[in-house]
C-alpha atoms as a PDB file:
ATOM      1  CA  UNK A   1     -19.197   3.112  64.591  1.00  0.00           C
ATOM      2  CA  UNK A   2     -17.643   5.310  61.897  1.00  0.00           C
ATOM      3  CA  UNK A   3     -15.216   6.806  64.425  1.00  0.00           C
ATOM      4  CA  UNK A   4     -14.205   3.380  65.727  1.00  0.00           C
ATOM      5  CA  UNK A   5     -13.681   2.104  62.178  1.00  0.00           C
ATOM      6  CA  UNK A   6     -11.374   4.993  61.263  1.00  0.00           C
ATOM      7  CA  UNK A   7      -9.456   4.716  64.548  1.00  0.00           C
ATOM      8  CA  UNK A   8      -8.972   1.014  63.815  1.00  0.00           C
ATOM      9  CA  UNK A   9      -7.082   1.624  60.574  1.00  0.00           C
ATOM     10  CA  UNK A  10      -4.969   4.668  61.490  1.00  0.00           C
ATOM     11  CA  UNK A  11      -2.790   6.039  64.253  1.00  0.00           C
ATOM     12  CA  UNK A  12      -4.537   9.319  65.250  1.00  0.00           C
ATOM     13  CA  UNK A  13      -1.322  10.747  66.676  1.00  0.00           C
ATOM     14  CA  UNK A  14       0.678  10.188  63.494  1.00  0.00           C
ATOM     15  CA  UNK A  15      -1.461   9.725  60.381  1.00  0.00           C
ATOM     16  CA  UNK A  16      -2.779  12.703  58.410  1.00  0.00           C
ATOM     17  CA  UNK A  17      -5.072  10.872  55.999  1.00  0.00           C
ATOM     18  CA  UNK A  18      -7.414   7.885  55.827  1.00  0.00           C
ATOM     19  CA  UNK A  19      -7.728   5.288  53.079  1.00  0.00           C
ATOM     20  CA  UNK A  20     -11.442   4.478  53.201  1.00  0.00           C
ATOM     21  CA  UNK A  21     -10.852   1.477  50.929  1.00  0.00           C
ATOM     22  CA  UNK A  22      -9.507  -0.282  54.009  1.00  0.00           C
ATOM     23  CA  UNK A  23     -13.000  -0.147  55.535  1.00  0.00           C
ATOM     24  CA  UNK A  24     -15.120  -2.735  53.771  1.00  0.00           C
ATOM     25  CA  UNK A  25     -18.889  -2.302  53.986  1.00  0.00           C
ATOM     26  CA  UNK A  26     -21.047  -5.381  53.445  1.00  0.00           C
ATOM     27  CA  UNK A  27     -24.834  -5.016  53.233  1.00  0.00           C
ATOM     28  CA  UNK A  28     -27.186  -7.722  54.435  1.00  0.00           C
ATOM     29  CA  UNK A  29     -30.969  -7.590  54.558  1.00  0.00           C
ATOM     30  CA  UNK A  30     -32.522  -8.593  57.848  1.00  0.00           C
ATOM     31  CA  UNK A  31     -32.755  -6.989  61.307  1.00  0.00           C
ATOM     32  CA  UNK A  32     -32.662  -3.228  61.785  1.00  0.00           C
ATOM     33  CA  UNK A  33     -29.973  -0.638  61.088  1.00  0.00           C
ATOM     34  CA  UNK A  34     -29.265  -0.527  64.835  1.00  0.00           C
ATOM     35  CA  UNK A  35     -28.052  -4.133  64.586  1.00  0.00           C
ATOM     36  CA  UNK A  36     -25.160  -3.104  62.318  1.00  0.00           C
ATOM     37  CA  UNK A  37     -21.716  -3.801  63.738  1.00  0.00           C
ATOM     38  CA  UNK A  38     -18.029  -3.260  63.105  1.00  0.00           C
ATOM     39  CA  UNK A  39     -15.880  -6.359  62.740  1.00  0.00           C
ATOM     40  CA  UNK A  40     -12.175  -6.196  63.499  1.00  0.00           C
ATOM     41  CA  UNK A  41     -10.667  -7.773  60.396  1.00  0.00           C
ATOM     42  CA  UNK A  42     -12.066  -9.098  57.135  1.00  0.00           C
ATOM     43  CA  UNK A  43     -15.643 -10.159  56.489  1.00  0.00           C
ATOM     44  CA  UNK A  44     -16.087 -12.228  53.319  1.00  0.00           C
ATOM     45  CA  UNK A  45     -19.539 -12.405  51.779  1.00  0.00           C
ATOM     46  CA  UNK A  46     -18.948 -15.750  50.066  1.00  0.00           C
ATOM     47  CA  UNK A  47     -19.851 -19.348  50.829  1.00  0.00           C
ATOM     48  CA  UNK A  48     -17.193 -21.969  51.447  1.00  0.00           C
ATOM     49  CA  UNK A  49     -16.817 -24.691  48.831  1.00  0.00           C
ATOM     50  CA  UNK A  50     -17.366 -27.757  51.017  1.00  0.00           C
ATOM     51  CA  UNK A  51     -17.022 -31.026  49.047  1.00  0.00           C
ATOM     52  CA  UNK A  52     -16.365 -32.751  52.359  1.00  0.00           C
ATOM     53  CA  UNK A  53     -13.680 -30.269  53.411  1.00  0.00           C
ATOM     54  CA  UNK A  54     -13.624 -28.076  56.531  1.00  0.00           C
ATOM     55  CA  UNK A  55     -16.171 -25.260  56.892  1.00  0.00           C
ATOM     56  CA  UNK A  56     -14.698 -23.743  60.057  1.00  0.00           C
ATOM     57  CA  UNK A  57     -11.019 -23.114  60.778  1.00  0.00           C
ATOM     58  CA  UNK A  58      -9.405 -21.583  63.857  1.00  0.00           C
ATOM     59  CA  UNK A  59      -5.874 -20.161  63.818  1.00  0.00           C
ATOM     60  CA  UNK A  60      -6.126 -20.020  60.049  1.00  0.00           C
ATOM     61  CA  UNK A  61      -3.145 -19.721  57.736  1.00  0.00           C
ATOM     62  CA  UNK A  62      -4.677 -17.939  54.783  1.00  0.00           C
ATOM     63  CA  UNK A  63      -3.497 -18.153  51.200  1.00  0.00           C
ATOM     64  CA  UNK A  64      -4.675 -15.785  48.462  1.00  0.00           C
ATOM     65  CA  UNK A  65      -4.173 -16.770  44.814  1.00  0.00           C
ATOM     66  CA  UNK A  66      -4.984 -14.952  41.583  1.00  0.00           C
ATOM     67  CA  UNK A  67      -4.818 -17.943  39.237  1.00  0.00           C
ATOM     68  CA  UNK A  68      -7.235 -20.776  38.502  1.00  0.00           C
ATOM     69  CA  UNK A  69      -7.031 -24.250  40.000  1.00  0.00           C
ATOM     70  CA  UNK A  70      -8.147 -25.914  36.794  1.00  0.00           C
ATOM     71  CA  UNK A  71      -6.503 -27.566  33.779  1.00  0.00           C
ATOM     72  CA  UNK A  72      -4.318 -25.174  31.747  1.00  0.00           C
ATOM     73  CA  UNK A  73      -5.511 -23.866  28.421  1.00  0.00           C
ATOM     74  CA  UNK A  74      -3.386 -22.854  25.452  1.00  0.00           C
ATOM     75  CA  UNK A  75      -3.169 -19.254  24.293  1.00  0.00           C
ATOM     76  CA  UNK A  76      -3.989 -20.244  20.706  1.00  0.00           C
ATOM     77  CA  UNK A  77      -6.878 -22.093  19.115  1.00  0.00           C
ATOM     78  CA  UNK A  78      -5.623 -25.672  18.909  1.00  0.00           C
ATOM     79  CA  UNK A  79      -7.197 -29.080  18.516  1.00  0.00           C
ATOM     80  CA  UNK A  80      -6.000 -32.258  20.205  1.00  0.00           C
ATOM     81  CA  UNK A  81      -6.855 -35.432  18.296  1.00  0.00           C
ATOM     82  CA  UNK A  82      -6.990 -38.608  20.397  1.00  0.00           C
ATOM     83  CA  UNK A  83      -7.119 -41.831  18.403  1.00  0.00           C
ATOM     84  CA  UNK A  84      -7.399 -44.492  21.141  1.00  0.00           C
ATOM     85  CA  UNK A  85      -8.343 -44.897  24.786  1.00  0.00           C
ATOM     86  CA  UNK A  86      -4.720 -45.075  25.988  1.00  0.00           C
ATOM     87  CA  UNK A  87      -4.096 -41.518  24.807  1.00  0.00           C
ATOM     88  CA  UNK A  88      -7.320 -40.407  26.485  1.00  0.00           C
ATOM     89  CA  UNK A  89      -6.238 -42.087  29.708  1.00  0.00           C
ATOM     90  CA  UNK A  90      -2.828 -40.437  29.500  1.00  0.00           C
ATOM     91  CA  UNK A  91      -4.360 -36.976  28.963  1.00  0.00           C
ATOM     92  CA  UNK A  92      -6.659 -37.388  31.952  1.00  0.00           C
ATOM     93  CA  UNK A  93      -3.804 -38.610  34.153  1.00  0.00           C
ATOM     94  CA  UNK A  94      -1.622 -35.638  33.203  1.00  0.00           C
ATOM     95  CA  UNK A  95      -4.483 -33.259  33.904  1.00  0.00           C
ATOM     96  CA  UNK A  96      -5.085 -34.922  37.254  1.00  0.00           C
ATOM     97  CA  UNK A  97      -1.377 -34.826  38.125  1.00  0.00           C
ATOM     98  CA  UNK A  98      -1.123 -31.145  37.152  1.00  0.00           C
ATOM     99  CA  UNK A  99      -3.946 -30.168  39.516  1.00  0.00           C
ATOM    100  CA  UNK A 100      -2.624 -32.446  42.270  1.00  0.00           C
ATOM    101  CA  UNK A 101       0.807 -30.795  42.066  1.00  0.00           C
ATOM    102  CA  UNK A 102      -0.784 -27.354  42.462  1.00  0.00           C
ATOM    103  CA  UNK A 103      -2.740 -28.500  45.506  1.00  0.00           C
ATOM    104  CA  UNK A 104       0.390 -30.062  47.035  1.00  0.00           C
ATOM    105  CA  UNK A 105       2.273 -26.778  46.640  1.00  0.00           C
ATOM    106  CA  UNK A 106      -0.551 -24.957  48.431  1.00  0.00           C
ATOM    107  CA  UNK A 107      -0.502 -27.522  51.240  1.00  0.00           C
ATOM    108  CA  UNK A 108       3.293 -27.355  51.438  1.00  0.00           C
ATOM    109  CA  UNK A 109       3.072 -23.614  52.046  1.00  0.00           C
ATOM    110  CA  UNK A 110       1.170 -24.363  55.254  1.00  0.00           C
ATOM    111  CA  UNK A 111      -2.126 -22.952  54.041  1.00  0.00           C
ATOM    112  CA  UNK A 112      -5.389 -24.233  55.525  1.00  0.00           C
ATOM    113  CA  UNK A 113      -7.718 -21.517  54.150  1.00  0.00           C
ATOM    114  CA  UNK A 114      -7.542 -20.635  50.460  1.00  0.00           C
ATOM    115  CA  UNK A 115      -9.070 -17.516  48.873  1.00  0.00           C
ATOM    116  CA  UNK A 116      -9.315 -17.631  45.067  1.00  0.00           C
ATOM    117  CA  UNK A 117      -9.842 -14.577  42.866  1.00  0.00           C
ATOM    118  CA  UNK A 118     -12.895 -14.588  40.630  1.00  0.00           C
ATOM    119  CA  UNK A 119     -12.246 -15.429  36.976  1.00  0.00           C
ATOM    120  CA  UNK A 120     -14.318 -13.910  34.157  1.00  0.00           C
ATOM    121  CA  UNK A 121     -13.177 -16.451  31.565  1.00  0.00           C
ATOM    122  CA  UNK A 122     -13.736 -19.800  33.285  1.00  0.00           C
ATOM    123  CA  UNK A 123     -14.242 -21.409  36.654  1.00  0.00           C
ATOM    124  CA  UNK A 124     -11.697 -20.346  39.245  1.00  0.00           C
ATOM    125  CA  UNK A 125     -11.600 -23.881  40.643  1.00  0.00           C
ATOM    126  CA  UNK A 126     -12.958 -27.158  39.280  1.00  0.00           C
ATOM    127  CA  UNK A 127     -14.434 -30.172  41.045  1.00  0.00           C
ATOM    128  CA  UNK A 128     -11.197 -32.151  40.957  1.00  0.00           C
ATOM    129  CA  UNK A 129      -9.300 -29.352  42.697  1.00  0.00           C
ATOM    130  CA  UNK A 130     -11.997 -29.091  45.353  1.00  0.00           C
ATOM    131  CA  UNK A 131     -11.741 -32.841  45.917  1.00  0.00           C
ATOM    132  CA  UNK A 132      -7.969 -32.719  46.462  1.00  0.00           C
ATOM    133  CA  UNK A 133      -8.169 -29.633  48.707  1.00  0.00           C
ATOM    134  CA  UNK A 134     -10.908 -31.231  50.810  1.00  0.00           C
ATOM    135  CA  UNK A 135      -8.717 -34.313  51.294  1.00  0.00           C
ATOM    136  CA  UNK A 136      -5.912 -32.007  52.443  1.00  0.00           C
ATOM    137  CA  UNK A 137      -8.251 -30.283  54.953  1.00  0.00           C
ATOM    138  CA  UNK A 138      -8.046 -26.919  53.209  1.00  0.00           C
ATOM    139  CA  UNK A 139     -11.112 -24.667  53.312  1.00  0.00           C
ATOM    140  CA  UNK A 140     -11.799 -22.958  49.967  1.00  0.00           C
ATOM    141  CA  UNK A 141     -13.534 -19.631  49.315  1.00  0.00           C
ATOM    142  CA  UNK A 142     -13.731 -18.733  45.644  1.00  0.00           C
ATOM    143  CA  UNK A 143     -14.957 -15.803  43.528  1.00  0.00           C
ATOM    144  CA  UNK A 144     -13.157 -13.091  45.490  1.00  0.00           C
ATOM    145  CA  UNK A 145     -13.695  -9.866  43.536  1.00  0.00           C
ATOM    146  CA  UNK A 146     -10.632  -8.300  41.960  1.00  0.00           C
ATOM    147  CA  UNK A 147     -11.156  -4.954  43.721  1.00  0.00           C
ATOM    148  CA  UNK A 148     -11.216  -6.770  47.094  1.00  0.00           C
ATOM    149  CA  UNK A 149      -7.838  -8.446  46.583  1.00  0.00           C
ATOM    150  CA  UNK A 150      -5.877  -5.480  47.969  1.00  0.00           C
ATOM    151  CA  UNK A 151      -8.140  -5.292  51.016  1.00  0.00           C
ATOM    152  CA  UNK A 152      -7.737  -8.968  51.904  1.00  0.00           C
ATOM    153  CA  UNK A 153      -4.002  -8.758  51.211  1.00  0.00           C
ATOM    154  CA  UNK A 154      -3.714  -5.955  53.764  1.00  0.00           C
ATOM    155  CA  UNK A 155      -5.591  -7.988  56.358  1.00  0.00           C
ATOM    156  CA  UNK A 156      -4.003 -11.397  55.793  1.00  0.00           C
ATOM    157  CA  UNK A 157      -0.536 -10.506  54.557  1.00  0.00           C
ATOM    158  CA  UNK A 158       1.048  -9.727  57.918  1.00  0.00           C
ATOM    159  CA  UNK A 159       1.721 -11.672  61.105  1.00  0.00           C
ATOM    160  CA  UNK A 160      -0.540  -9.436  63.207  1.00  0.00           C
ATOM    161  CA  UNK A 161      -3.981  -8.187  62.086  1.00  0.00           C
ATOM    162  CA  UNK A 162      -3.541  -5.589  59.378  1.00  0.00           C
ATOM    163  CA  UNK A 163      -4.906  -2.068  59.419  1.00  0.00           C
ATOM    164  CA  UNK A 164      -8.311  -2.864  57.987  1.00  0.00           C
ATOM    165  CA  UNK A 165     -11.784  -3.617  59.244  1.00  0.00           C
ATOM    166  CA  UNK A 166     -15.232  -4.569  57.995  1.00  0.00           C
ATOM    167  CA  UNK A 167     -18.680  -3.193  58.756  1.00  0.00           C
ATOM    168  CA  UNK A 168     -21.706  -5.455  58.538  1.00  0.00           C
ATOM    169  CA  UNK A 169     -24.585  -3.157  57.653  1.00  0.00           C
ATOM    170  CA  UNK A 170     -28.083  -4.369  58.439  1.00  0.00           C
ATOM    171  CA  UNK A 171     -31.417  -3.166  57.097  1.00  0.00           C
ATOM    172  CA  UNK A 172     -34.982  -4.350  56.696  1.00  0.00           C
ATOM    173  CA  UNK A 173     -35.000  -3.809  52.915  1.00  0.00           C
ATOM    174  CA  UNK A 174     -32.824  -2.692  50.018  1.00  0.00           C
ATOM    175  CA  UNK A 175     -33.792   0.992  50.225  1.00  0.00           C
ATOM    176  CA  UNK A 176     -32.950   1.168  53.930  1.00  0.00           C
ATOM    177  CA  UNK A 177     -29.607  -0.535  53.282  1.00  0.00           C
ATOM    178  CA  UNK A 178     -28.674   1.889  50.499  1.00  0.00           C
ATOM    179  CA  UNK A 179     -29.599   4.915  52.613  1.00  0.00           C
ATOM    180  CA  UNK A 180     -27.671   3.519  55.578  1.00  0.00           C
ATOM    181  CA  UNK A 181     -24.625   2.942  53.362  1.00  0.00           C
ATOM    182  CA  UNK A 182     -24.731   6.548  52.111  1.00  0.00           C
ATOM    183  CA  UNK A 183     -25.056   7.871  55.657  1.00  0.00           C
ATOM    184  CA  UNK A 184     -22.185   5.699  56.867  1.00  0.00           C
ATOM    185  CA  UNK A 185     -19.984   6.797  53.970  1.00  0.00           C
ATOM    186  CA  UNK A 186     -20.734  10.458  54.775  1.00  0.00           C
ATOM    187  CA  UNK A 187     -19.797   9.844  58.407  1.00  0.00           C
ATOM    188  CA  UNK A 188     -16.535   8.171  57.380  1.00  0.00           C
ATOM    189  CA  UNK A 189     -15.699  11.132  55.135  1.00  0.00           C
ATOM    190  CA  UNK A 190     -16.287  13.533  58.040  1.00  0.00           C
ATOM    191  CA  UNK A 191     -13.893  11.555  60.232  1.00  0.00           C
ATOM    192  CA  UNK A 192     -11.346  11.520  57.388  1.00  0.00           C
ATOM    193  CA  UNK A 193     -11.558  15.322  57.222  1.00  0.00           C
ATOM    194  CA  UNK A 194     -10.815  15.500  60.945  1.00  0.00           C
ATOM    195  CA  UNK A 195      -7.802  13.238  60.514  1.00  0.00           C
ATOM    196  CA  UNK A 196      -6.438  15.408  57.694  1.00  0.00           C
ATOM    197  CA  UNK A 197      -6.973  18.635  59.625  1.00  0.00           C
ATOM    198  CA  UNK A 198      -7.614  18.240  63.325  1.00  0.00           C
ATOM    199  CA  UNK A 199      -9.892  21.235  63.902  1.00  0.00           C
ATOM    200  CA  UNK A 200     -13.613  21.853  64.372  1.00  0.00           C
ATOM    201  CA  UNK A 201     -15.760  24.918  63.758  1.00  0.00           C
ATOM    202  CA  UNK A 202     -19.280  25.785  64.916  1.00  0.00           C
ATOM    203  CA  UNK A 203     -21.898  24.726  62.379  1.00  0.00           C
ATOM    204  CA  UNK A 204     -25.188  26.370  61.473  1.00  0.00           C
ATOM    205  CA  UNK A 205     -23.590  28.851  59.061  1.00  0.00           C
ATOM    206  CA  UNK A 206     -21.566  30.504  61.848  1.00  0.00           C
ATOM    207  CA  UNK A 207     -18.147  30.483  60.115  1.00  0.00           C
ATOM    208  CA  UNK A 208     -19.578  31.740  56.815  1.00  0.00           C
ATOM    209  CA  UNK A 209     -21.389  34.603  58.545  1.00  0.00           C
ATOM    210  CA  UNK A 210     -18.304  35.560  60.557  1.00  0.00           C
ATOM    211  CA  UNK A 211     -16.168  35.686  57.406  1.00  0.00           C
ATOM    212  CA  UNK A 212     -18.892  37.735  55.672  1.00  0.00           C
ATOM    213  CA  UNK A 213     -18.957  40.268  58.530  1.00  0.00           C
ATOM    214  CA  UNK A 214     -15.159  40.572  58.483  1.00  0.00           C
ATOM    215  CA  UNK A 215     -15.145  41.020  54.700  1.00  0.00           C
ATOM    216  CA  UNK A 216     -17.707  43.843  54.905  1.00  0.00           C
ATOM    217  CA  UNK A 217     -15.552  45.642  57.448  1.00  0.00           C
ATOM    218  CA  UNK A 218     -12.485  45.256  55.241  1.00  0.00           C
ATOM    219  CA  UNK A 219     -14.474  46.342  52.177  1.00  0.00           C
ATOM    220  CA  UNK A 220     -14.900  49.810  53.705  1.00  0.00           C
ATOM    221  CA  UNK A 221     -11.130  50.261  53.499  1.00  0.00           C
ATOM    222  CA  UNK A 222     -11.058  49.429  49.786  1.00  0.00           C
ATOM    223  CA  UNK A 223     -11.482  51.917  46.959  1.00  0.00           C
ATOM    224  CA  UNK A 224     -13.114  51.681  43.567  1.00  0.00           C
ATOM    225  CA  UNK A 225     -14.425  48.399  42.160  1.00  0.00           C
ATOM    226  CA  UNK A 226     -12.498  46.371  44.744  1.00  0.00           C
ATOM    227  CA  UNK A 227     -15.066  47.379  47.356  1.00  0.00           C
ATOM    228  CA  UNK A 228     -17.911  45.887  45.298  1.00  0.00           C
ATOM    229  CA  UNK A 229     -16.012  42.620  44.854  1.00  0.00           C
ATOM    230  CA  UNK A 230     -15.447  42.227  48.588  1.00  0.00           C
ATOM    231  CA  UNK A 231     -19.107  42.933  49.333  1.00  0.00           C
ATOM    232  CA  UNK A 232     -20.268  40.507  46.641  1.00  0.00           C
ATOM    233  CA  UNK A 233     -18.104  37.775  48.159  1.00  0.00           C
ATOM    234  CA  UNK A 234     -19.628  38.494  51.573  1.00  0.00           C
ATOM    235  CA  UNK A 235     -23.145  38.298  50.110  1.00  0.00           C
ATOM    236  CA  UNK A 236     -22.300  34.917  48.578  1.00  0.00           C
ATOM    237  CA  UNK A 237     -21.123  33.544  51.933  1.00  0.00           C
ATOM    238  CA  UNK A 238     -24.365  34.648  53.588  1.00  0.00           C
ATOM    239  CA  UNK A 239     -26.267  32.350  51.248  1.00  0.00           C
ATOM    240  CA  UNK A 240     -25.166  29.405  53.417  1.00  0.00           C
ATOM    241  CA  UNK A 241     -27.130  30.429  56.557  1.00  0.00           C
ATOM    242  CA  UNK A 242     -29.880  31.835  54.299  1.00  0.00           C
ATOM    243  CA  UNK A 243     -30.377  28.463  52.595  1.00  0.00           C
ATOM    244  CA  UNK A 244     -30.100  26.629  55.916  1.00  0.00           C
ATOM    245  CA  UNK A 245     -32.868  28.764  57.440  1.00  0.00           C
ATOM    246  CA  UNK A 246     -35.030  28.413  54.343  1.00  0.00           C
ATOM    247  CA  UNK A 247     -34.724  24.613  54.322  1.00  0.00           C
ATOM    248  CA  UNK A 248     -35.606  24.521  58.028  1.00  0.00           C
ATOM    249  CA  UNK A 249     -38.863  26.388  57.393  1.00  0.00           C
ATOM    250  CA  UNK A 250     -37.661  29.607  59.078  1.00  0.00           C
ATOM    251  CA  UNK A 251     -37.803  33.155  57.782  1.00  0.00           C
ATOM    252  CA  UNK A 252     -34.466  33.415  55.946  1.00  0.00           C
ATOM    253  CA  UNK A 253     -34.367  37.220  55.860  1.00  0.00           C
ATOM    254  CA  UNK A 254     -35.141  37.605  59.573  1.00  0.00           C
ATOM    255  CA  UNK A 255     -32.751  34.796  60.542  1.00  0.00           C
ATOM    256  CA  UNK A 256     -29.811  36.118  58.495  1.00  0.00           C
ATOM    257  CA  UNK A 257     -30.366  39.662  59.782  1.00  0.00           C
ATOM    258  CA  UNK A 258     -30.375  38.494  63.399  1.00  0.00           C
ATOM    259  CA  UNK A 259     -27.331  36.296  62.801  1.00  0.00           C
ATOM    260  CA  UNK A 260     -25.466  39.199  61.192  1.00  0.00           C
ATOM    261  CA  UNK A 261     -26.235  41.390  64.201  1.00  0.00           C
ATOM    262  CA  UNK A 262     -24.970  38.772  66.662  1.00  0.00           C
ATOM    263  CA  UNK A 263     -21.680  38.371  64.795  1.00  0.00           C
ATOM    264  CA  UNK A 264     -21.252  42.134  64.508  1.00  0.00           C
ATOM    265  CA  UNK A 265     -21.544  42.255  68.323  1.00  0.00           C
ATOM    266  CA  UNK A 266     -18.758  39.685  68.699  1.00  0.00           C
ATOM    267  CA  UNK A 267     -20.835  36.520  69.188  1.00  0.00           C
ATOM    268  CA  UNK A 268     -18.821  34.492  66.682  1.00  0.00           C
ATOM    269  CA  UNK A 269     -20.243  31.116  67.744  1.00  0.00           C
ATOM    270  CA  UNK A 270     -23.846  31.975  66.917  1.00  0.00           C
ATOM    271  CA  UNK A 271     -25.509  30.018  64.117  1.00  0.00           C
ATOM    272  CA  UNK A 272     -28.869  28.803  62.841  1.00  0.00           C
ATOM    273  CA  UNK A 273     -30.350  26.321  65.307  1.00  0.00           C
ATOM    274  CA  UNK A 274     -32.625  24.167  63.177  1.00  0.00           C
ATOM    275  CA  UNK A 275     -34.015  22.231  66.139  1.00  0.00           C
ATOM    276  CA  UNK A 276     -35.035  25.264  68.199  1.00  0.00           C
ATOM    277  CA  UNK A 277     -35.959  27.400  65.212  1.00  0.00           C
ATOM    278  CA  UNK A 278     -33.884  30.493  65.980  1.00  0.00           C
ATOM    279  CA  UNK A 279     -30.310  31.776  66.276  1.00  0.00           C
ATOM    280  CA  UNK A 280     -28.347  30.459  69.282  1.00  0.00           C
ATOM    281  CA  UNK A 281     -24.790  29.758  70.428  1.00  0.00           C
ATOM    282  CA  UNK A 282     -24.314  26.743  68.208  1.00  0.00           C
ATOM    283  CA  UNK A 283     -21.193  25.527  70.028  1.00  0.00           C
ATOM    284  CA  UNK A 284     -23.222  24.957  73.197  1.00  0.00           C
ATOM    285  CA  UNK A 285     -25.564  22.763  71.141  1.00  0.00           C
ATOM    286  CA  UNK A 286     -22.566  20.623  70.075  1.00  0.00           C
ATOM    287  CA  UNK A 287     -23.244  21.359  66.407  1.00  0.00           C
ATOM    288  CA  UNK A 288     -19.742  21.286  64.941  1.00  0.00           C
ATOM    289  CA  UNK A 289     -18.209  20.681  61.531  1.00  0.00           C
ATOM    290  CA  UNK A 290     -14.648  19.949  60.341  1.00  0.00           C
ATOM    291  CA  UNK A 291     -12.563  22.973  59.396  1.00  0.00           C
ATOM    292  CA  UNK A 292     -11.477  21.213  56.204  1.00  0.00           C
ATOM    293  CA  UNK A 293     -15.094  21.073  54.965  1.00  0.00           C
ATOM    294  CA  UNK A 294     -15.510  24.847  55.262  1.00  0.00           C
ATOM    295  CA  UNK A 295     -12.126  25.572  53.702  1.00  0.00           C
ATOM    296  CA  UNK A 296     -12.759  23.211  50.792  1.00  0.00           C
ATOM    297  CA  UNK A 297     -16.201  24.698  50.105  1.00  0.00           C
ATOM    298  CA  UNK A 298     -14.871  28.264  49.969  1.00  0.00           C
ATOM    299  CA  UNK A 299     -11.783  27.375  47.920  1.00  0.00           C
ATOM    300  CA  UNK A 300     -13.618  25.232  45.375  1.00  0.00           C
ATOM    301  CA  UNK A 301     -16.437  27.730  44.888  1.00  0.00           C
ATOM    302  CA  UNK A 302     -13.881  30.530  44.416  1.00  0.00           C
ATOM    303  CA  UNK A 303     -11.948  28.486  41.856  1.00  0.00           C
ATOM    304  CA  UNK A 304     -15.189  27.738  40.005  1.00  0.00           C
ATOM    305  CA  UNK A 305     -16.061  31.453  39.822  1.00  0.00           C
ATOM    306  CA  UNK A 306     -12.569  32.309  38.579  1.00  0.00           C
ATOM    307  CA  UNK A 307     -12.920  29.718  35.820  1.00  0.00           C
ATOM    308  CA  UNK A 308     -16.270  31.175  34.756  1.00  0.00           C
ATOM    309  CA  UNK A 309     -14.951  34.752  34.770  1.00  0.00           C
ATOM    310  CA  UNK A 310     -12.183  33.760  32.362  1.00  0.00           C
ATOM    311  CA  UNK A 311     -14.804  33.040  29.678  1.00  0.00           C
ATOM    312  CA  UNK A 312     -14.890  36.010  27.292  1.00  0.00           C
ATOM    313  CA  UNK A 313     -17.691  34.926  25.015  1.00  0.00           C
ATOM    314  CA  UNK A 314     -20.163  32.115  24.362  1.00  0.00           C
ATOM    315  CA  UNK A 315     -20.667  30.805  20.842  1.00  0.00           C
ATOM    316  CA  UNK A 316     -24.127  29.350  20.299  1.00  0.00           C
ATOM    317  CA  UNK A 317     -24.325  26.370  18.015  1.00  0.00           C
ATOM    318  CA  UNK A 318     -27.460  24.612  16.814  1.00  0.00           C
ATOM    319  CA  UNK A 319     -27.706  21.262  15.036  1.00  0.00           C
END
């Protein structure tokens, strides 16, 4: 589902990045996680404002507004004093005419579905506006979140369906939904890494061990303190398969030693097989990871160490 969602919003042959904001995830309790589905287009988690108007529209012409369909308010604190009923009647008529004119402009634009951005100050649409829009056969959906405006604009702002999609995530309870959302987000990030750099490496600590073996061989050609630095970097890389074996309940020392031997003999695809509990050709097990993940991990950890090594002294301070 994550792969299909990413392929929906990009051109794999041309694009080199993915904007995950164009994949909207909506969580709903009920059913199982297996019932989750990808929807081609926009899924809005809001109720329609009926008032006698349509609740289902086919071949919709969608309008998206970021202002309120309600009587205007002044920017300053003012008071309006009405002395008789004729002035009251005039004020109500002008208010009614103002809202009616707005609704007519929306209808004139050819809109039959109206999305209204949520307002934090007052109601986005009042009852009078809903009455007029219902008479004009315009379906209204209000309280669209501000951060969702760009998403819906991408979907509805072009003649053909825009490059965006929605995922309806199902779960039996809130905890299952939150865990499913995290897992789905991780999967989307993996696919984004593949789009940015179209390459895969064997998993199971295989690339880290191979780099460590190569560094140890190159360290023998170094002289002085440089040799210790190269070896220390190799030891740090071996912590990846070491930790992987330890978390899997295996003997980390035995596993890393065996893995080091395999890579020294030229078996570069060997890694820690968590399922079988020993070192195997991890590529044959289809355990792969994006190249960008490995590169980013090594680069960021190296930059972090360089930043720490630049610290000359630590000044202790107590309150």
